Amino acid sequence: MEDIKEKIPIIVIGILAIAILGVAFYLMENYEATYYTKIDNTKIQAISSTDEMKYQYTLDCYDDKGKKKELSFKTSRELKENSYLQLEVRIIGVHRWKEVQEEELPEKVKENYMK
């Protein structure tokens, strides 16, 4: 009987650890936010001459409510100056991006770029 009482805290800690890891994994896979940015090629940095992703941009980005956040993302090439991007962001950073037209930007994002 004493052996079981001694093992209960270890079992409880193990179950809690598994639960916490499960929740963390779920959040990492299901957290997603969308940000928008405007390309400024003065903010590009060459990071590799051998990898597929040769450049990194660090730019001010805005969500659909106009909230600002500085984000970094990698590219294989220099992007077109003053073009707009929509960034899909997950917990670990920018997951993917695509070019969008100015008309596709949310109003709060446009306001930040029209200042």
N, C-alpha and C. Protein backbone atom coordinates (compact mmCIF):
# COMPACT_ATOMS: atom_id res chain seq x y z
N MET A 1 0.82 -1.19 0.00
CA MET A 1 0.00 0.00 0.00
C MET A 1 0.86 1.25 0.00
N GLU A 2 1.98 1.23 0.74
CA GLU A 2 2.86 2.40 0.79
C GLU A 2 3.51 2.66 -0.56
N ASP A 3 3.81 1.62 -1.33
CA ASP A 3 4.40 1.78 -2.66
C ASP A 3 3.49 2.60 -3.57
N ILE A 4 2.21 2.33 -3.49
CA ILE A 4 1.24 3.05 -4.32
C ILE A 4 1.19 4.52 -3.89
N LYS A 5 1.16 4.79 -2.59
CA LYS A 5 1.12 6.16 -2.08
C LYS A 5 2.36 6.94 -2.51
N GLU A 6 3.49 6.29 -2.59
CA GLU A 6 4.73 6.96 -3.01
C GLU A 6 4.72 7.26 -4.51
N LYS A 7 4.04 6.44 -5.28
CA LYS A 7 4.04 6.59 -6.74
C LYS A 7 2.96 7.58 -7.22
N ILE A 8 1.97 7.86 -6.41
CA ILE A 8 0.87 8.76 -6.82
C ILE A 8 1.40 10.14 -7.25
N PRO A 9 2.27 10.80 -6.47
CA PRO A 9 2.75 12.12 -6.93
C PRO A 9 3.47 12.05 -8.28
N ILE A 10 4.22 11.00 -8.52
CA ILE A 10 4.92 10.84 -9.79
C ILE A 10 3.92 10.66 -10.93
N ILE A 11 2.90 9.87 -10.70
CA ILE A 11 1.86 9.65 -11.72
C ILE A 11 1.12 10.95 -12.02
N VAL A 12 0.76 11.69 -10.98
CA VAL A 12 0.06 12.97 -11.15
C VAL A 12 0.92 13.95 -11.93
N ILE A 13 2.19 14.05 -11.60
CA ILE A 13 3.10 14.96 -12.32
C ILE A 13 3.22 14.54 -13.78
N GLY A 14 3.29 13.25 -14.03
CA GLY A 14 3.36 12.75 -15.41
C GLY A 14 2.12 13.10 -16.21
N ILE A 15 0.96 12.92 -15.61
CA ILE A 15 -0.31 13.24 -16.29
C ILE A 15 -0.39 14.75 -16.56
N LEU A 16 -0.01 15.56 -15.58
CA LEU A 16 -0.01 17.02 -15.78
C LEU A 16 0.96 17.44 -16.89
N ALA A 17 2.12 16.84 -16.92
CA ALA A 17 3.10 17.18 -17.95
C ALA A 17 2.57 16.83 -19.33
N ILE A 18 1.95 15.68 -19.47
CA ILE A 18 1.36 15.28 -20.76
C ILE A 18 0.25 16.24 -21.16
N ALA A 19 -0.59 16.63 -20.21
CA ALA A 19 -1.68 17.56 -20.49
C ALA A 19 -1.14 18.92 -20.93
N ILE A 20 -0.12 19.42 -20.24
CA ILE A 20 0.46 20.72 -20.59
C ILE A 20 1.09 20.66 -21.98
N LEU A 21 1.81 19.60 -22.27
CA LEU A 21 2.40 19.45 -23.61
C LEU A 21 1.33 19.37 -24.69
N GLY A 22 0.25 18.67 -24.40
CA GLY A 22 -0.85 18.57 -25.36
C GLY A 22 -1.48 19.93 -25.65
N VAL A 23 -1.72 20.70 -24.62
CA VAL A 23 -2.29 22.04 -24.80
C VAL A 23 -1.33 22.93 -25.56
N ALA A 24 -0.05 22.89 -25.22
CA ALA A 24 0.95 23.71 -25.92
C ALA A 24 1.01 23.34 -27.40
N PHE A 25 1.01 22.06 -27.72
CA PHE A 25 1.03 21.62 -29.11
C PHE A 25 -0.22 22.09 -29.84
N TYR A 26 -1.38 21.95 -29.21
CA TYR A 26 -2.63 22.41 -29.82
C TYR A 26 -2.58 23.90 -30.13
N LEU A 27 -2.11 24.70 -29.18
CA LEU A 27 -2.03 26.14 -29.38
C LEU A 27 -1.06 26.49 -30.50
N MET A 28 0.07 25.81 -30.56
CA MET A 28 1.05 26.09 -31.62
C MET A 28 0.48 25.80 -32.99
N GLU A 29 -0.29 24.74 -33.12
CA GLU A 29 -0.84 24.35 -34.41
C GLU A 29 -2.07 25.18 -34.79
N ASN A 30 -2.78 25.71 -33.81
CA ASN A 30 -4.05 26.36 -34.11
C ASN A 30 -4.05 27.86 -33.92
N TYR A 31 -2.97 28.42 -33.38
CA TYR A 31 -2.89 29.86 -33.27
C TYR A 31 -2.52 30.40 -34.64
N GLU A 32 -3.26 31.35 -35.10
CA GLU A 32 -2.96 31.96 -36.38
C GLU A 32 -3.45 33.39 -36.37
N ALA A 33 -2.62 34.29 -36.84
CA ALA A 33 -3.00 35.69 -36.95
C ALA A 33 -2.56 36.18 -38.32
N THR A 34 -3.22 37.20 -38.81
CA THR A 34 -2.88 37.77 -40.10
C THR A 34 -2.38 39.19 -39.90
N TYR A 35 -1.25 39.49 -40.48
CA TYR A 35 -0.66 40.82 -40.46
C TYR A 35 -0.38 41.25 -41.89
N TYR A 36 -0.22 42.54 -42.06
CA TYR A 36 0.07 43.12 -43.37
C TYR A 36 1.29 44.02 -43.25
N THR A 37 2.07 44.08 -44.32
CA THR A 37 3.24 44.93 -44.31
C THR A 37 3.49 45.47 -45.70
N LYS A 38 4.34 46.49 -45.75
CA LYS A 38 4.76 47.10 -47.01
C LYS A 38 6.27 46.90 -47.13
N ILE A 39 6.70 46.42 -48.27
CA ILE A 39 8.11 46.10 -48.46
C ILE A 39 8.95 47.37 -48.52
N ASP A 40 10.00 47.35 -47.70
CA ASP A 40 11.00 48.41 -47.66
C ASP A 40 12.35 47.71 -47.80
N ASN A 41 12.95 47.82 -48.96
CA ASN A 41 14.18 47.08 -49.22
C ASN A 41 15.40 47.62 -48.50
N THR A 42 15.24 48.69 -47.73
CA THR A 42 16.34 49.10 -46.85
C THR A 42 16.36 48.23 -45.60
N LYS A 43 15.31 47.43 -45.41
CA LYS A 43 15.17 46.58 -44.22
C LYS A 43 15.49 45.11 -44.52
N ILE A 44 16.17 44.85 -45.62
CA ILE A 44 16.51 43.47 -45.98
C ILE A 44 17.92 43.16 -45.52
N GLN A 45 18.13 41.92 -45.14
CA GLN A 45 19.44 41.48 -44.70
C GLN A 45 19.77 40.15 -45.40
N ALA A 46 20.94 40.08 -46.02
CA ALA A 46 21.40 38.82 -46.61
C ALA A 46 21.80 37.90 -45.47
N ILE A 47 21.24 36.68 -45.46
CA ILE A 47 21.55 35.77 -44.36
C ILE A 47 22.26 34.50 -44.81
N SER A 48 22.24 34.20 -46.12
CA SER A 48 22.89 32.98 -46.59
C SER A 48 23.13 33.07 -48.08
N SER A 49 24.21 32.49 -48.52
CA SER A 49 24.46 32.41 -49.95
C SER A 49 24.25 30.99 -50.46
N THR A 50 24.03 30.06 -49.52
CA THR A 50 23.88 28.66 -49.91
C THR A 50 22.49 28.10 -49.67
N ASP A 51 21.77 28.58 -48.66
CA ASP A 51 20.42 28.09 -48.38
C ASP A 51 19.42 28.65 -49.37
N GLU A 52 18.26 27.99 -49.45
CA GLU A 52 17.19 28.47 -50.32
C GLU A 52 16.68 29.84 -49.88
N MET A 53 16.55 30.05 -48.59
CA MET A 53 16.10 31.33 -48.05
C MET A 53 17.33 32.20 -47.81
N LYS A 54 17.58 33.11 -48.73
CA LYS A 54 18.81 33.89 -48.72
C LYS A 54 18.69 35.23 -47.99
N TYR A 55 17.46 35.71 -47.81
CA TYR A 55 17.26 37.05 -47.25
C TYR A 55 16.27 37.01 -46.10
N GLN A 56 16.39 38.02 -45.25
CA GLN A 56 15.44 38.19 -44.16
C GLN A 56 15.01 39.65 -44.10
N TYR A 57 13.71 39.85 -44.03
CA TYR A 57 13.14 41.18 -43.82
C TYR A 57 12.70 41.29 -42.37
N THR A 58 12.88 42.46 -41.78
CA THR A 58 12.31 42.78 -40.48
C THR A 58 11.56 44.09 -40.67
N LEU A 59 10.24 44.01 -40.61
CA LEU A 59 9.38 45.14 -40.96
C LEU A 59 8.29 45.37 -39.92
N ASP A 60 7.81 46.60 -39.88
CA ASP A 60 6.62 46.91 -39.09
C ASP A 60 5.42 46.34 -39.82
N CYS A 61 4.58 45.64 -39.09
CA CYS A 61 3.40 45.01 -39.66
C CYS A 61 2.19 45.40 -38.83
N TYR A 62 1.01 45.28 -39.43
CA TYR A 62 -0.22 45.68 -38.76
C TYR A 62 -1.27 44.60 -38.92
N ASP A 63 -2.04 44.37 -37.84
CA ASP A 63 -3.17 43.45 -37.97
C ASP A 63 -4.37 44.22 -38.48
N ASP A 64 -5.50 43.55 -38.64
CA ASP A 64 -6.68 44.20 -39.22
C ASP A 64 -7.28 45.28 -38.34
N LYS A 65 -6.82 45.37 -37.08
CA LYS A 65 -7.28 46.44 -36.18
C LYS A 65 -6.28 47.59 -36.13
N GLY A 66 -5.19 47.45 -36.88
CA GLY A 66 -4.18 48.51 -36.93
C GLY A 66 -3.10 48.39 -35.86
N LYS A 67 -3.10 47.30 -35.12
CA LYS A 67 -2.09 47.10 -34.07
C LYS A 67 -0.76 46.75 -34.73
N LYS A 68 0.28 47.47 -34.31
CA LYS A 68 1.61 47.33 -34.90
C LYS A 68 2.41 46.24 -34.20
N LYS A 69 3.20 45.51 -35.00
CA LYS A 69 4.09 44.49 -34.47
C LYS A 69 5.25 44.34 -35.46
N GLU A 70 6.46 44.30 -34.94
CA GLU A 70 7.62 44.08 -35.80
C GLU A 70 7.79 42.58 -36.01
N LEU A 71 7.84 42.17 -37.28
CA LEU A 71 7.99 40.76 -37.61
C LEU A 71 9.15 40.56 -38.57
N SER A 72 9.75 39.40 -38.50
CA SER A 72 10.82 39.02 -39.42
C SER A 72 10.37 37.80 -40.20
N PHE A 73 10.76 37.75 -41.47
CA PHE A 73 10.46 36.60 -42.30
C PHE A 73 11.54 36.46 -43.36
N LYS A 74 11.69 35.24 -43.86
CA LYS A 74 12.74 34.94 -44.83
C LYS A 74 12.17 34.80 -46.23
N THR A 75 13.02 35.11 -47.22
CA THR A 75 12.63 34.97 -48.62
C THR A 75 13.81 34.42 -49.41
N SER A 76 13.49 33.94 -50.59
CA SER A 76 14.54 33.43 -51.47
C SER A 76 15.08 34.52 -52.39
N ARG A 77 14.38 35.67 -52.41
CA ARG A 77 14.77 36.76 -53.32
C ARG A 77 14.39 38.10 -52.71
N GLU A 78 14.94 39.15 -53.28
CA GLU A 78 14.54 40.50 -52.87
C GLU A 78 13.16 40.76 -53.45
N LEU A 79 12.28 41.31 -52.63
CA LEU A 79 10.90 41.55 -53.05
C LEU A 79 10.74 42.94 -53.65
N LYS A 80 9.65 43.12 -54.36
CA LYS A 80 9.36 44.39 -55.05
C LYS A 80 9.12 45.51 -54.04
N GLU A 81 9.91 46.57 -54.16
CA GLU A 81 9.79 47.74 -53.28
C GLU A 81 8.36 48.26 -53.28
N ASN A 82 7.86 48.60 -52.09
CA ASN A 82 6.53 49.18 -51.85
C ASN A 82 5.37 48.23 -52.14
N SER A 83 5.64 46.96 -52.37
CA SER A 83 4.54 46.02 -52.54
C SER A 83 4.00 45.66 -51.15
N TYR A 84 2.78 45.19 -51.11
CA TYR A 84 2.14 44.83 -49.84
C TYR A 84 2.10 43.31 -49.70
N LEU A 85 2.29 42.85 -48.48
CA LEU A 85 2.22 41.43 -48.19
C LEU A 85 1.20 41.15 -47.09
N GLN A 86 0.57 40.02 -47.21
CA GLN A 86 -0.26 39.48 -46.15
C GLN A 86 0.55 38.35 -45.52
N LEU A 87 0.75 38.43 -44.21
CA LEU A 87 1.57 37.45 -43.51
C LEU A 87 0.70 36.57 -42.63
N GLU A 88 0.86 35.27 -42.76
CA GLU A 88 0.18 34.32 -41.87
C GLU A 88 1.16 34.02 -40.74
N VAL A 89 0.78 34.38 -39.53
CA VAL A 89 1.68 34.28 -38.39
C VAL A 89 1.16 33.23 -37.42
N ARG A 90 2.06 32.37 -36.99
CA ARG A 90 1.76 31.39 -35.96
C ARG A 90 2.66 31.67 -34.77
N ILE A 91 2.56 30.89 -33.73
CA ILE A 91 3.34 31.12 -32.51
C ILE A 91 4.83 31.19 -32.82
N ILE A 92 5.29 30.36 -33.72
CA ILE A 92 6.73 30.31 -34.01
C ILE A 92 7.18 31.37 -35.00
N GLY A 93 6.27 32.21 -35.47
CA GLY A 93 6.64 33.29 -36.39
C GLY A 93 5.84 33.24 -37.68
N VAL A 94 6.36 33.91 -38.70
CA VAL A 94 5.68 33.98 -40.00
C VAL A 94 5.72 32.60 -40.63
N HIS A 95 4.56 32.07 -40.91
CA HIS A 95 4.44 30.73 -41.49
C HIS A 95 4.46 30.81 -43.01
N ARG A 96 3.76 31.80 -43.56
CA ARG A 96 3.78 32.02 -45.01
C ARG A 96 3.33 33.43 -45.30
N TRP A 97 3.62 33.88 -46.51
CA TRP A 97 3.22 35.22 -46.92
C TRP A 97 2.82 35.19 -48.38
N LYS A 98 2.03 36.21 -48.76
CA LYS A 98 1.67 36.36 -50.17
C LYS A 98 1.50 37.84 -50.47
N GLU A 99 1.76 38.22 -51.70
CA GLU A 99 1.58 39.61 -52.11
C GLU A 99 0.10 39.89 -52.29
N VAL A 100 -0.33 41.08 -51.84
CA VAL A 100 -1.71 41.52 -52.02
C VAL A 100 -1.71 42.94 -52.58
N GLN A 101 -2.82 43.34 -53.12
CA GLN A 101 -2.97 44.68 -53.66
C GLN A 101 -3.41 45.64 -52.55
N GLU A 102 -3.13 46.91 -52.72
CA GLU A 102 -3.49 47.91 -51.72
C GLU A 102 -4.98 47.87 -51.40
N GLU A 103 -5.81 47.62 -52.41
CA GLU A 103 -7.27 47.57 -52.21
C GLU A 103 -7.69 46.43 -51.28
N GLU A 104 -6.85 45.42 -51.13
CA GLU A 104 -7.17 44.27 -50.30
C GLU A 104 -6.83 44.49 -48.82
N LEU A 105 -6.13 45.58 -48.52
CA LEU A 105 -5.74 45.84 -47.15
C LEU A 105 -6.94 46.28 -46.32
N PRO A 106 -7.02 45.84 -45.06
CA PRO A 106 -8.07 46.34 -44.17
C PRO A 106 -7.89 47.85 -43.97
N GLU A 107 -8.98 48.54 -43.68
CA GLU A 107 -8.94 50.00 -43.54
C GLU A 107 -7.94 50.47 -42.49
N LYS A 108 -7.90 49.81 -41.35
CA LYS A 108 -6.97 50.22 -40.29
C LYS A 108 -5.51 50.06 -40.72
N VAL A 109 -5.23 49.10 -41.57
CA VAL A 109 -3.88 48.91 -42.09
C VAL A 109 -3.56 50.04 -43.07
N LYS A 110 -4.50 50.33 -43.96
CA LYS A 110 -4.32 51.43 -44.94
C LYS A 110 -4.01 52.74 -44.23
N GLU A 111 -4.73 53.00 -43.13
CA GLU A 111 -4.53 54.25 -42.39
C GLU A 111 -3.08 54.39 -41.94
N ASN A 112 -2.45 53.30 -41.52
CA ASN A 112 -1.06 53.35 -41.07
C ASN A 112 -0.09 53.64 -42.22
N TYR A 113 -0.42 53.22 -43.42
CA TYR A 113 0.48 53.44 -44.55
C TYR A 113 0.20 54.74 -45.29
N MET A 114 -0.92 55.38 -44.99
CA MET A 114 -1.25 56.63 -45.65
C MET A 114 -0.83 57.84 -44.83
N LYS A 115 -0.22 57.62 -43.68
CA LYS A 115 0.22 58.72 -42.81
C LYS A 115 1.35 59.49 -43.45
